[in-house]
C-alpha atoms as a PDB file:
ATOM      1  CA  MET A   1     254.612  94.837 176.627  1.00  0.00           C
ATOM      2  CA  ARG A   2     251.855  95.719 174.206  1.00  0.00           C
ATOM      3  CA  ILE A   3     250.760  92.684 171.951  1.00  0.00           C
ATOM      4  CA  ALA A   4     248.232  92.417 168.908  1.00  0.00           C
ATOM      5  CA  GLN A   5     247.086  88.649 168.381  1.00  0.00           C
ATOM      6  CA  VAL A   6     245.271  88.946 165.121  1.00  0.00           C
ATOM      7  CA  ALA A   7     243.282  85.681 164.801  1.00  0.00           C
ATOM      8  CA  PRO A   8     241.176  84.118 162.353  1.00  0.00           C
ATOM      9  CA  LEU A   9     237.609  84.647 162.378  1.00  0.00           C
ATOM     10  CA  TYR A  10     236.298  81.445 161.445  1.00  0.00           C
ATOM     11  CA  GLU A  11     235.911  80.139 165.058  1.00  0.00           C
ATOM     12  CA  SER A  12     235.875  82.065 168.369  1.00  0.00           C
ATOM     13  CA  CYS A  13     238.461  82.096 170.707  1.00  0.00           C
ATOM     14  CA  PRO A  14     238.410  79.802 172.015  1.00  0.00           C
ATOM     15  CA  PRO A  15     236.050  77.492 169.862  1.00  0.00           C
ATOM     16  CA  GLN A  16     232.755  76.441 171.125  1.00  0.00           C
ATOM     17  CA  LEU A  17     233.539  72.884 169.509  1.00  0.00           C
ATOM     18  CA  TYR A  18     236.220  72.123 166.941  1.00  0.00           C
ATOM     19  CA  GLY A  19     238.815  74.521 166.301  1.00  0.00           C
ATOM     20  CA  GLY A  20     242.716  74.517 166.377  1.00  0.00           C
ATOM     21  CA  THR A  21     243.982  77.704 165.266  1.00  0.00           C
ATOM     22  CA  GLU A  22     242.047  79.690 167.349  1.00  0.00           C
ATOM     23  CA  ARG A  23     241.986  77.269 170.112  1.00  0.00           C
ATOM     24  CA  VAL A  24     245.942  78.106 170.072  1.00  0.00           C
ATOM     25  CA  VAL A  25     245.445  81.833 170.180  1.00  0.00           C
ATOM     26  CA  SER A  26     243.104  81.710 172.648  1.00  0.00           C
ATOM     27  CA  TYR A  27     245.320  79.341 175.399  1.00  0.00           C
ATOM     28  CA  LEU A  28     248.506  82.190 174.175  1.00  0.00           C
ATOM     29  CA  THR A  29     246.371  85.076 174.759  1.00  0.00           C
ATOM     30  CA  GLU A  30     244.919  84.563 178.276  1.00  0.00           C
ATOM     31  CA  GLU A  31     248.438  83.354 179.335  1.00  0.00           C
ATOM     32  CA  LEU A  32     249.853  86.621 178.361  1.00  0.00           C
ATOM     33  CA  VAL A  33     247.301  88.587 179.983  1.00  0.00           C
ATOM     34  CA  ARG A  34     248.214  86.682 182.924  1.00  0.00           C
ATOM     35  CA  ARG A  35     251.721  87.393 182.980  1.00  0.00           C
ATOM     36  CA  GLY A  36     250.554  91.068 182.997  1.00  0.00           C
ATOM     37  CA  HIS A  37     250.859  92.225 179.269  1.00  0.00           C
ATOM     38  CA  GLN A  38     248.933  94.641 177.557  1.00  0.00           C
ATOM     39  CA  VAL A  39     247.158  92.254 174.792  1.00  0.00           C
ATOM     40  CA  THR A  40     244.805  93.007 172.186  1.00  0.00           C
ATOM     41  CA  LEU A  41     242.774  89.870 170.653  1.00  0.00           C
ATOM     42  CA  PHE A  42     241.593  90.676 166.947  1.00  0.00           C
ATOM     43  CA  ALA A  43     239.132  87.999 166.802  1.00  0.00           C
ATOM     44  CA  SER A  44     235.365  86.754 166.360  1.00  0.00           C
ATOM     45  CA  GLY A  45     232.544  89.316 168.646  1.00  0.00           C
ATOM     46  CA  ASP A  46     231.430  85.976 170.576  1.00  0.00           C
ATOM     47  CA  SER A  47     235.127  85.573 171.880  1.00  0.00           C
ATOM     48  CA  GLN A  48     236.048  84.939 175.504  1.00  0.00           C
ATOM     49  CA  THR A  49     238.930  86.990 176.908  1.00  0.00           C
ATOM     50  CA  GLU A  50     240.755  88.756 179.544  1.00  0.00           C
ATOM     51  CA  ALA A  51     242.734  90.765 176.503  1.00  0.00           C
ATOM     52  CA  ILE A  52     240.835  93.424 174.743  1.00  0.00           C
ATOM     53  CA  LEU A  53     238.571  92.155 172.396  1.00  0.00           C
ATOM     54  CA  GLU A  54     238.410  94.054 169.032  1.00  0.00           C
ATOM     55  CA  PRO A  55     235.455  92.089 167.310  1.00  0.00           C
ATOM     56  CA  GLY A  56     236.523  91.276 163.394  1.00  0.00           C
ATOM     57  CA  CYS A  57     232.765  90.284 163.393  1.00  0.00           C
ATOM     58  CA  ALA A  58     229.948  89.504 165.119  1.00  0.00           C
ATOM     59  CA  ARG A  59     230.248  85.878 165.479  1.00  0.00           C
ATOM     60  CA  ALA A  60     232.598  83.027 164.527  1.00  0.00           C
ATOM     61  CA  LEU A  61     232.138  82.907 160.401  1.00  0.00           C
ATOM     62  CA  TRP A  62     231.622  78.887 160.476  1.00  0.00           C
ATOM     63  CA  ARG A  63     228.382  79.500 163.194  1.00  0.00           C
ATOM     64  CA  ASP A  64     226.607  82.183 161.111  1.00  0.00           C
ATOM     65  CA  PRO A  65     224.734  81.013 158.423  1.00  0.00           C
ATOM     66  CA  GLY A  66     224.408  84.642 156.678  1.00  0.00           C
ATOM     67  CA  VAL A  67     227.877  84.663 155.846  1.00  0.00           C
ATOM     68  CA  LYS A  68     228.280  84.187 152.242  1.00  0.00           C
ATOM     69  CA  ASN A  69     231.925  85.502 152.082  1.00  0.00           C
ATOM     70  CA  SER A  70     234.564  84.874 154.516  1.00  0.00           C
ATOM     71  CA  ILE A  71     237.263  86.389 153.151  1.00  0.00           C
ATOM     72  CA  VAL A  72     235.750  89.986 153.231  1.00  0.00           C
ATOM     73  CA  PRO A  73     235.541  90.389 157.428  1.00  0.00           C
ATOM     74  CA  HIS A  74     238.746  89.161 157.226  1.00  0.00           C
ATOM     75  CA  LEU A  75     240.026  92.072 154.923  1.00  0.00           C
ATOM     76  CA  ILE A  76     237.927  94.492 157.025  1.00  0.00           C
ATOM     77  CA  MET A  77     239.810  93.651 160.126  1.00  0.00           C
ATOM     78  CA  LEU A  78     243.108  93.330 159.022  1.00  0.00           C
ATOM     79  CA  ASP A  79     243.119  96.902 157.669  1.00  0.00           C
ATOM     80  CA  ARG A  80     242.063  97.954 161.276  1.00  0.00           C
ATOM     81  CA  VAL A  81     245.189  96.253 162.234  1.00  0.00           C
ATOM     82  CA  ARG A  82     247.270  98.007 159.786  1.00  0.00           C
ATOM     83  CA  ARG A  83     245.795 101.340 160.639  1.00  0.00           C
ATOM     84  CA  ARG A  84     246.467 100.703 164.769  1.00  0.00           C
ATOM     85  CA  ALA A  85     249.939  99.058 164.130  1.00  0.00           C
ATOM     86  CA  HIS A  86     251.521 102.032 166.012  1.00  0.00           C
ATOM     87  CA  GLU A  87     250.131 100.936 169.080  1.00  0.00           C
ATOM     88  CA  PHE A  88     252.030  97.751 169.188  1.00  0.00           C
ATOM     89  CA  ASP A  89     255.304  96.465 170.070  1.00  0.00           C
ATOM     90  CA  VAL A  90     254.421  93.100 168.460  1.00  0.00           C
ATOM     91  CA  ILE A  91     251.736  92.173 166.137  1.00  0.00           C
ATOM     92  CA  HIS A  92     251.055  88.544 166.242  1.00  0.00           C
ATOM     93  CA  CYS A  93     249.065  87.122 163.178  1.00  0.00           C
ATOM     94  CA  HIS A  94     247.705  83.693 162.607  1.00  0.00           C
ATOM     95  CA  THR A  95     245.822  84.537 159.641  1.00  0.00           C
ATOM     96  CA  GLU A  96     248.125  82.490 157.297  1.00  0.00           C
ATOM     97  CA  PHE A  97     248.550  84.282 154.102  1.00  0.00           C
ATOM     98  CA  LEU A  98     246.076  87.079 154.181  1.00  0.00           C
ATOM     99  CA  HIS A  99     248.171  89.795 156.350  1.00  0.00           C
ATOM    100  CA  PRO A 100     251.415  90.289 154.253  1.00  0.00           C
ATOM    101  CA  PRO A 101     249.898  92.927 151.984  1.00  0.00           C
ATOM    102  CA  PHE A 102     248.559  95.142 154.698  1.00  0.00           C
ATOM    103  CA  LEU A 103     251.036  94.568 157.301  1.00  0.00           C
ATOM    104  CA  ALA A 104     254.498  94.346 155.097  1.00  0.00           C
ATOM    105  CA  GLN A 105     255.067  98.307 156.214  1.00  0.00           C
ATOM    106  CA  CYS A 106     255.285  97.416 159.394  1.00  0.00           C
ATOM    107  CA  TRP A 107     257.045  94.051 158.929  1.00  0.00           C
ATOM    108  CA  ASP A 108     259.834  94.669 161.596  1.00  0.00           C
ATOM    109  CA  ARG A 109     256.886  94.616 164.601  1.00  0.00           C
ATOM    110  CA  THR A 110     255.269  91.873 162.683  1.00  0.00           C
ATOM    111  CA  VAL A 111     255.513  88.056 163.547  1.00  0.00           C
ATOM    112  CA  THR A 112     253.614  85.219 161.797  1.00  0.00           C
ATOM    113  CA  THR A 113     252.302  82.157 163.151  1.00  0.00           C
ATOM    114  CA  LEU A 114     251.688  79.573 159.977  1.00  0.00           C
ATOM    115  CA  HIS A 115     249.114  76.976 161.203  1.00  0.00           C
ATOM    116  CA  GLY A 116     248.387  74.922 158.015  1.00  0.00           C
ATOM    117  CA  ARG A 117     250.198  72.997 155.424  1.00  0.00           C
ATOM    118  CA  LEU A 118     253.101  74.318 153.051  1.00  0.00           C
ATOM    119  CA  ASP A 119     253.381  72.189 150.345  1.00  0.00           C
ATOM    120  CA  LEU A 120     250.915  73.831 148.255  1.00  0.00           C
ATOM    121  CA  PRO A 121     252.592  75.726 145.071  1.00  0.00           C
ATOM    122  CA  GLU A 122     250.950  78.653 145.232  1.00  0.00           C
ATOM    123  CA  LEU A 123     252.419  79.820 148.939  1.00  0.00           C
ATOM    124  CA  ARG A 124     255.779  79.210 147.447  1.00  0.00           C
ATOM    125  CA  ALA A 125     254.967  82.684 145.159  1.00  0.00           C
ATOM    126  CA  MET A 126     253.107  84.423 148.493  1.00  0.00           C
ATOM    127  CA  TYR A 127     256.367  84.323 150.442  1.00  0.00           C
ATOM    128  CA  ARG A 128     258.735  85.295 147.734  1.00  0.00           C
ATOM    129  CA  GLU A 129     256.605  88.242 147.504  1.00  0.00           C
ATOM    130  CA  PHE A 130     256.862  88.879 151.070  1.00  0.00           C
ATOM    131  CA  PRO A 131     259.878  87.659 151.987  1.00  0.00           C
ATOM    132  CA  MET A 132     260.562  90.391 154.912  1.00  0.00           C
ATOM    133  CA  MET A 133     257.798  88.775 156.733  1.00  0.00           C
ATOM    134  CA  PRO A 134     259.099  86.935 159.943  1.00  0.00           C
ATOM    135  CA  LEU A 135     257.693  83.754 160.585  1.00  0.00           C
ATOM    136  CA  VAL A 136     257.196  81.088 163.019  1.00  0.00           C
ATOM    137  CA  SER A 137     256.703  77.014 162.479  1.00  0.00           C
ATOM    138  CA  ILE A 138     254.189  74.948 164.734  1.00  0.00           C
ATOM    139  CA  SER A 139     256.992  71.730 163.971  1.00  0.00           C
ATOM    140  CA  THR A 140     260.164  71.490 161.859  1.00  0.00           C
ATOM    141  CA  ALA A 141     258.629  69.536 159.237  1.00  0.00           C
ATOM    142  CA  GLN A 142     256.130  72.083 158.485  1.00  0.00           C
ATOM    143  CA  ARG A 143     258.818  74.031 157.338  1.00  0.00           C
ATOM    144  CA  GLU A 144     260.164  72.092 154.848  1.00  0.00           C
ATOM    145  CA  PRO A 145     258.310  73.030 151.416  1.00  0.00           C
ATOM    146  CA  LEU A 146     259.508  76.746 152.672  1.00  0.00           C
ATOM    147  CA  ALA A 147     263.069  76.205 154.216  1.00  0.00           C
ATOM    148  CA  TRP A 148     264.181  79.188 152.710  1.00  0.00           C
ATOM    149  CA  ALA A 149     261.781  81.581 154.087  1.00  0.00           C
ATOM    150  CA  ASN A 150     262.442  84.093 156.922  1.00  0.00           C
ATOM    151  CA  TRP A 151     262.026  81.747 159.889  1.00  0.00           C
ATOM    152  CA  LEU A 152     262.466  82.635 163.582  1.00  0.00           C
ATOM    153  CA  GLY A 153     262.188  79.617 165.248  1.00  0.00           C
ATOM    154  CA  THR A 154     259.938  76.725 165.676  1.00  0.00           C
ATOM    155  CA  VAL A 155     257.359  76.974 168.577  1.00  0.00           C
ATOM    156  CA  HIS A 156     255.273  73.840 169.403  1.00  0.00           C
ATOM    157  CA  HIS A 157     251.930  74.346 170.810  1.00  0.00           C
ATOM    158  CA  GLY A 158     250.648  74.398 174.409  1.00  0.00           C
ATOM    159  CA  LEU A 159     247.779  73.298 176.437  1.00  0.00           C
ATOM    160  CA  PRO A 160     246.385  74.635 179.779  1.00  0.00           C
ATOM    161  CA  ARG A 161     247.609  72.051 182.254  1.00  0.00           C
ATOM    162  CA  SER A 162     244.314  72.573 183.898  1.00  0.00           C
ATOM    163  CA  GLN A 163     242.214  71.698 180.817  1.00  0.00           C
ATOM    164  CA  HIS A 164     242.727  67.643 181.329  1.00  0.00           C
ATOM    165  CA  GLN A 165     243.118  64.972 183.973  1.00  0.00           C
ATOM    166  CA  THR A 166     245.039  61.685 183.476  1.00  0.00           C
ATOM    167  CA  GLY A 167     242.013  59.012 182.479  1.00  0.00           C
ATOM    168  CA  ASP A 168     242.243  55.664 183.337  1.00  0.00           C
ATOM    169  CA  SER A 169     240.902  54.036 180.087  1.00  0.00           C
ATOM    170  CA  THR A 170     237.777  52.765 181.765  1.00  0.00           C
ATOM    171  CA  GLY A 171     235.719  52.871 178.948  1.00  0.00           C
ATOM    172  CA  GLY A 172     237.724  50.384 176.874  1.00  0.00           C
ATOM    173  CA  TYR A 173     236.864  51.668 173.289  1.00  0.00           C
ATOM    174  CA  LEU A 174     239.632  53.400 170.533  1.00  0.00           C
ATOM    175  CA  ALA A 175     238.947  56.963 170.172  1.00  0.00           C
ATOM    176  CA  PHE A 176     239.140  59.248 166.989  1.00  0.00           C
ATOM    177  CA  LEU A 177     239.012  63.007 167.508  1.00  0.00           C
ATOM    178  CA  GLY A 178     238.972  65.849 164.919  1.00  0.00           C
ATOM    179  CA  ARG A 179     237.660  66.490 161.326  1.00  0.00           C
ATOM    180  CA  ILE A 180     235.867  63.903 159.194  1.00  0.00           C
ATOM    181  CA  SER A 181     237.729  64.466 156.348  1.00  0.00           C
ATOM    182  CA  PRO A 182     240.115  62.590 153.582  1.00  0.00           C
ATOM    183  CA  GLU A 183     243.660  63.997 154.941  1.00  0.00           C
ATOM    184  CA  LYS A 184     242.751  62.923 158.479  1.00  0.00           C
ATOM    185  CA  ALA A 185     241.460  59.634 157.592  1.00  0.00           C
ATOM    186  CA  PRO A 186     238.699  58.564 160.009  1.00  0.00           C
ATOM    187  CA  HIS A 187     238.346  55.536 157.046  1.00  0.00           C
ATOM    188  CA  ARG A 188     241.478  54.209 158.416  1.00  0.00           C
ATOM    189  CA  ALA A 189     240.584  54.537 162.241  1.00  0.00           C
ATOM    190  CA  ILE A 190     237.747  52.367 161.606  1.00  0.00           C
ATOM    191  CA  GLU A 191     239.603  49.487 159.580  1.00  0.00           C
ATOM    192  CA  ILE A 192     242.098  49.047 162.435  1.00  0.00           C
ATOM    193  CA  ALA A 193     239.143  48.832 164.864  1.00  0.00           C
ATOM    194  CA  ASN A 194     237.498  46.585 162.634  1.00  0.00           C
ATOM    195  CA  ARG A 195     241.004  44.410 162.303  1.00  0.00           C
ATOM    196  CA  ALA A 196     241.578  44.372 166.211  1.00  0.00           C
ATOM    197  CA  GLY A 197     237.945  43.910 167.021  1.00  0.00           C
ATOM    198  CA  LEU A 198     237.810  46.950 169.132  1.00  0.00           C
ATOM    199  CA  PRO A 199     235.252  49.633 169.440  1.00  0.00           C
ATOM    200  CA  LEU A 200     235.843  52.661 168.312  1.00  0.00           C
ATOM    201  CA  GLN A 201     234.108  56.493 168.775  1.00  0.00           C
ATOM    202  CA  LEU A 202     234.195  59.025 166.252  1.00  0.00           C
ATOM    203  CA  ALA A 203     234.213  62.529 167.651  1.00  0.00           C
ATOM    204  CA  ALA A 204     234.571  64.883 164.799  1.00  0.00           C
ATOM    205  CA  LYS A 205     233.595  67.785 162.750  1.00  0.00           C
ATOM    206  CA  ILE A 206     231.927  67.441 159.355  1.00  0.00           C
ATOM    207  CA  ALA A 207     232.410  70.649 157.472  1.00  0.00           C
ATOM    208  CA  PRO A 208     230.366  70.646 153.828  1.00  0.00           C
ATOM    209  CA  GLU A 209     232.745  70.201 151.420  1.00  0.00           C
ATOM    210  CA  ASP A 210     233.529  66.863 153.100  1.00  0.00           C
ATOM    211  CA  GLN A 211     230.082  66.032 153.413  1.00  0.00           C
ATOM    212  CA  ALA A 212     230.151  63.438 150.583  1.00  0.00           C
ATOM    213  CA  TYR A 213     233.371  61.692 151.747  1.00  0.00           C
ATOM    214  CA  PHE A 214     231.470  61.145 155.202  1.00  0.00           C
ATOM    215  CA  GLU A 215     228.467  59.179 153.197  1.00  0.00           C
ATOM    216  CA  ARG A 216     230.426  57.289 151.042  1.00  0.00           C
ATOM    217  CA  GLU A 217     233.566  56.450 153.370  1.00  0.00           C
ATOM    218  CA  ILE A 218     232.274  56.614 157.030  1.00  0.00           C
ATOM    219  CA  ALA A 219     228.128  56.252 157.196  1.00  0.00           C
ATOM    220  CA  PRO A 220     228.135  52.927 155.739  1.00  0.00           C
ATOM    221  CA  SER A 221     230.565  51.300 158.586  1.00  0.00           C
ATOM    222  CA  LEU A 222     228.079  53.045 161.330  1.00  0.00           C
ATOM    223  CA  GLN A 223     225.827  49.836 160.604  1.00  0.00           C
ATOM    224  CA  ASN A 224     228.665  48.095 162.289  1.00  0.00           C
ATOM    225  CA  PRO A 225     227.768  47.887 166.027  1.00  0.00           C
ATOM    226  CA  LEU A 226     231.553  48.492 166.922  1.00  0.00           C
ATOM    227  CA  ILE A 227     231.699  51.895 165.347  1.00  0.00           C
ATOM    228  CA  GLU A 228     229.878  55.020 166.627  1.00  0.00           C
ATOM    229  CA  PHE A 229     230.128  58.482 165.749  1.00  0.00           C
ATOM    230  CA  VAL A 230     229.407  60.871 168.157  1.00  0.00           C
ATOM    231  CA  GLY A 231     229.591  64.055 166.466  1.00  0.00           C
ATOM    232  CA  GLU A 232     231.871  67.292 167.748  1.00  0.00           C
ATOM    233  CA  VAL A 233     232.288  67.520 171.273  1.00  0.00           C
ATOM    234  CA  GLY A 234     233.544  70.674 173.399  1.00  0.00           C
ATOM    235  CA  GLU A 235     236.032  71.204 176.020  1.00  0.00           C
ATOM    236  CA  ALA A 236     233.574  70.143 178.895  1.00  0.00           C
ATOM    237  CA  ASP A 237     233.504  66.200 177.183  1.00  0.00           C
ATOM    238  CA  LYS A 238     236.829  66.057 175.558  1.00  0.00           C
ATOM    239  CA  CYS A 239     238.730  65.147 178.763  1.00  0.00           C
ATOM    240  CA  GLY A 240     236.328  62.532 179.522  1.00  0.00           C
ATOM    241  CA  PHE A 241     236.222  61.104 175.789  1.00  0.00           C
ATOM    242  CA  LEU A 242     239.800  60.866 175.661  1.00  0.00           C
ATOM    243  CA  GLY A 243     240.542  60.042 179.114  1.00  0.00           C
ATOM    244  CA  ASP A 244     237.927  57.049 178.735  1.00  0.00           C
ATOM    245  CA  ALA A 245     239.814  55.551 175.739  1.00  0.00           C
ATOM    246  CA  MET A 246     242.583  52.978 175.852  1.00  0.00           C
ATOM    247  CA  ALA A 247     244.026  54.761 172.755  1.00  0.00           C
ATOM    248  CA  MET A 248     243.674  57.401 170.569  1.00  0.00           C
ATOM    249  CA  LEU A 249     244.051  56.854 166.466  1.00  0.00           C
ATOM    250  CA  PHE A 250     245.739  59.448 164.245  1.00  0.00           C
ATOM    251  CA  PRO A 251     245.940  57.594 160.805  1.00  0.00           C
ATOM    252  CA  ILE A 252     246.479  60.274 159.088  1.00  0.00           C
ATOM    253  CA  ASP A 253     246.951  60.611 155.039  1.00  0.00           C
ATOM    254  CA  TRP A 254     248.889  64.146 155.137  1.00  0.00           C
ATOM    255  CA  PRO A 255     251.805  66.271 156.120  1.00  0.00           C
ATOM    256  CA  GLU A 256     250.518  67.084 159.411  1.00  0.00           C
ATOM    257  CA  PRO A 257     251.553  70.482 160.648  1.00  0.00           C
ATOM    258  CA  PHE A 258     251.087  69.742 164.163  1.00  0.00           C
ATOM    259  CA  GLY A 259     248.176  67.923 165.388  1.00  0.00           C
ATOM    260  CA  LEU A 260     246.708  69.621 168.452  1.00  0.00           C
ATOM    261  CA  VAL A 261     244.790  66.596 169.348  1.00  0.00           C
ATOM    262  CA  LEU A 262     248.121  64.688 170.028  1.00  0.00           C
ATOM    263  CA  ILE A 263     248.646  66.597 172.810  1.00  0.00           C
ATOM    264  CA  GLU A 264     245.313  66.732 174.207  1.00  0.00           C
ATOM    265  CA  ALA A 265     245.520  63.071 174.207  1.00  0.00           C
ATOM    266  CA  MET A 266     248.735  63.111 175.794  1.00  0.00           C
ATOM    267  CA  ALA A 267     247.330  65.264 178.489  1.00  0.00           C
ATOM    268  CA  ALA A 268     244.847  62.790 179.535  1.00  0.00           C
ATOM    269  CA  GLY A 269     247.090  60.210 179.292  1.00  0.00           C
ATOM    270  CA  THR A 270     245.816  58.255 176.513  1.00  0.00           C
ATOM    271  CA  PRO A 271     248.432  56.447 174.124  1.00  0.00           C
ATOM    272  CA  VAL A 272     248.304  57.774 170.799  1.00  0.00           C
ATOM    273  CA  ILE A 273     248.938  55.073 167.790  1.00  0.00           C
ATOM    274  CA  ALA A 274     249.780  57.460 164.881  1.00  0.00           C
ATOM    275  CA  PHE A 275     251.094  57.347 161.352  1.00  0.00           C
ATOM    276  CA  GLY A 276     254.289  58.873 161.028  1.00  0.00           C
ATOM    277  CA  ARG A 277     254.004  61.818 158.830  1.00  0.00           C
ATOM    278  CA  GLY A 278     254.526  65.200 159.128  1.00  0.00           C
ATOM    279  CA  SER A 279     255.020  66.544 162.733  1.00  0.00           C
ATOM    280  CA  VAL A 280     253.944  63.147 164.520  1.00  0.00           C
ATOM    281  CA  PRO A 281     257.782  61.786 164.967  1.00  0.00           C
ATOM    282  CA  GLU A 282     258.475  65.030 166.608  1.00  0.00           C
ATOM    283  CA  ILE A 283     255.419  65.035 168.875  1.00  0.00           C
ATOM    284  CA  ILE A 284     254.919  61.256 169.722  1.00  0.00           C
ATOM    285  CA  GLU A 285     257.515  59.636 171.615  1.00  0.00           C
ATOM    286  CA  ASP A 286     257.606  56.125 170.171  1.00  0.00           C
ATOM    287  CA  GLY A 287     257.078  53.875 173.152  1.00  0.00           C
ATOM    288  CA  VAL A 288     256.734  56.504 175.743  1.00  0.00           C
ATOM    289  CA  THR A 289     253.689  58.253 174.603  1.00  0.00           C
ATOM    290  CA  GLY A 290     252.498  56.112 172.128  1.00  0.00           C
ATOM    291  CA  PHE A 291     253.431  54.237 168.892  1.00  0.00           C
ATOM    292  CA  VAL A 292     254.609  55.652 165.612  1.00  0.00           C
ATOM    293  CA  VAL A 293     253.639  53.397 162.864  1.00  0.00           C
ATOM    294  CA  ALA A 294     253.825  53.143 159.007  1.00  0.00           C
ATOM    295  CA  ASP A 295     250.658  51.570 157.987  1.00  0.00           C
ATOM    296  CA  ILE A 296     247.467  49.793 158.958  1.00  0.00           C
ATOM    297  CA  ASP A 297     249.316  46.414 160.093  1.00  0.00           C
ATOM    298  CA  GLU A 298     251.373  48.315 162.277  1.00  0.00           C
ATOM    299  CA  ALA A 299     248.459  50.115 164.010  1.00  0.00           C
ATOM    300  CA  VAL A 300     246.739  47.098 164.919  1.00  0.00           C
ATOM    301  CA  ALA A 301     249.958  45.260 166.105  1.00  0.00           C
ATOM    302  CA  ALA A 302     250.512  48.299 167.903  1.00  0.00           C
ATOM    303  CA  LEU A 303     247.323  47.999 169.769  1.00  0.00           C
ATOM    304  CA  ALA A 304     248.269  44.971 171.502  1.00  0.00           C
ATOM    305  CA  GLN A 305     251.231  46.991 173.429  1.00  0.00           C
ATOM    306  CA  VAL A 306     249.079  50.016 174.804  1.00  0.00           C
ATOM    307  CA  GLY A 307     248.668  48.369 177.664  1.00  0.00           C
ATOM    308  CA  ARG A 308     252.166  48.262 178.762  1.00  0.00           C
ATOM    309  CA  LEU A 309     252.383  52.346 178.235  1.00  0.00           C
ATOM    310  CA  ASP A 310     252.259  54.106 181.516  1.00  0.00           C
ATOM    311  CA  ARG A 311     249.741  56.859 181.338  1.00  0.00           C
ATOM    312  CA  THR A 312     250.854  58.821 184.532  1.00  0.00           C
ATOM    313  CA  ARG A 313     254.350  59.044 182.231  1.00  0.00           C
ATOM    314  CA  ILE A 314     252.598  60.360 179.471  1.00  0.00           C
ATOM    315  CA  ARG A 315     250.933  63.188 180.957  1.00  0.00           C
ATOM    316  CA  ARG A 316     254.331  64.013 182.665  1.00  0.00           C
ATOM    317  CA  GLU A 317     255.569  63.961 179.040  1.00  0.00           C
ATOM    318  CA  PHE A 318     252.815  66.405 178.305  1.00  0.00           C
ATOM    319  CA  GLU A 319     253.803  68.611 180.941  1.00  0.00           C
ATOM    320  CA  ARG A 320     257.534  68.965 180.309  1.00  0.00           C
ATOM    321  CA  ARG A 321     257.090  69.451 176.477  1.00  0.00           C
ATOM    322  CA  PHE A 322     253.496  70.704 175.773  1.00  0.00           C
ATOM    323  CA  SER A 323     251.713  73.444 178.275  1.00  0.00           C
ATOM    324  CA  VAL A 324     250.620  76.891 177.712  1.00  0.00           C
ATOM    325  CA  GLU A 325     253.514  78.071 180.022  1.00  0.00           C
ATOM    326  CA  ARG A 326     256.377  76.941 177.939  1.00  0.00           C
ATOM    327  CA  MET A 327     254.671  77.646 174.627  1.00  0.00           C
ATOM    328  CA  THR A 328     253.849  81.426 175.833  1.00  0.00           C
ATOM    329  CA  HIS A 329     257.812  81.689 177.213  1.00  0.00           C
ATOM    330  CA  ASP A 330     258.774  80.664 173.544  1.00  0.00           C
ATOM    331  CA  TYR A 331     256.851  83.164 172.147  1.00  0.00           C
ATOM    332  CA  LEU A 332     257.861  86.054 173.918  1.00  0.00           C
ATOM    333  CA  ALA A 333     261.568  84.809 173.308  1.00  0.00           C
ATOM    334  CA  ILE A 334     260.791  85.587 169.572  1.00  0.00           C
ATOM    335  CA  TYR A 335     258.817  88.622 170.839  1.00  0.00           C
ATOM    336  CA  ASP A 336     262.142  90.076 172.783  1.00  0.00           C
ATOM    337  CA  ARG A 337     264.173  89.628 169.420  1.00  0.00           C
ATOM    338  CA  ILE A 338     261.288  91.495 167.261  1.00  0.00           C
ATOM    339  CA  ALA A 339     261.496  94.415 169.996  1.00  0.00           C
ATOM    340  CA  ARG A 340     265.230  94.375 169.919  1.00  0.00           C
ATOM    341  CA  GLY A 341     265.601  94.745 166.000  1.00  0.00           C
ATOM    342  CA  GLU A 342     266.343  91.231 165.098  1.00  0.00           C
ATOM    343  CA  PRO A 343     264.183  89.544 162.705  1.00  0.00           C
ATOM    344  CA  ARG A 344     265.724  89.999 159.089  1.00  0.00           C
ATOM    345  CA  ALA A 345     264.489  88.945 155.896  1.00  0.00           C
ATOM    346  CA  ALA A 346     266.092  86.417 153.949  1.00  0.00           C
ATOM    347  CA  ALA A 347     268.788  87.630 151.713  1.00  0.00           C
ATOM    348  CA  ALA A 348     267.813  87.114 147.829  1.00  0.00           C
ATOM    349  CA  ASP A 349     271.102  85.127 146.913  1.00  0.00           C
ATOM    350  CA  GLU A 350     269.684  82.692 150.074  1.00  0.00           C
ATOM    351  CA  ARG A 351     266.332  82.569 148.327  1.00  0.00           C
ATOM    352  CA  GLU A 352     267.605  81.472 145.077  1.00  0.00           C
ATOM    353  CA  ASP A 353     269.977  79.160 146.689  1.00  0.00           C
ATOM    354  CA  ALA A 354     267.283  77.160 147.959  1.00  0.00           C
ATOM    355  CA  ASP A 355     265.890  76.307 144.950  1.00  0.00           C
END
């Protein structure tokens, strides 16, 4: 099958450090190539891939200080995809809402995985304007604000099995991995660690728009010897960081669409203590791969129970549910439907009834 994978340009595929969407696109692309498909990856020029790379920019936009407007490179890349659409059996877009105006005329060979939150009012107008575009969610919870849209299915993310090995928690610390931002709520992780009297390591990216939050909510806590900020970690260090932790904290304050770090922790056999918003109850099996909690009190109480969870069992659950092989299998089933002409636009009366 001739497949185009269209990635955001903010990070390379795979990212050098933090980056969720581009990482998933990379895993999927390489597994499709391994299975013998002809894949063209539209991504930043510093991406590493066995597919045919079509650079949308020279380097990842978030790593290029010379870039002042990140939308322009995306628009140029998407117009190139449009002009080459006839070359592909399937065009798989991961660029959220940027591409529908370019690809609306070839929607029957296009599928879009939405990676972000969908409870923003502008998105309702966008997907009503382009109701024919077939969509894939990354969790069932994610699609709730746009339940009426043209969903072909839900595909949970997957990771290569070889990327992480089961750890043994010898570090004795709690881990926080991701972004320093209000919705990821590392300030809650700090409170949980302080109340439990346990060391916490924060491995996270600070985006410019979140710098004020870091200075206000996080930086003062770094005077506490229990709290350590280690910055962004790459793939080479992530396995040890997660595997050595006694648990990973995921105290989110938003409707998480998926949470790639959840399955990265599972791949290392590390229990997760997560607030039960968004996708969390779909990903974490309470009492097996971690604990789904409602608040800080429950999170602190759950820490006393993590020692009884079987890290080998957590790893097995990762392999059963969240491998890149399973993810690719699910996407290929959707690609086959597209190739057979099965995707349909939601009927107008269905869309109106959903209101």
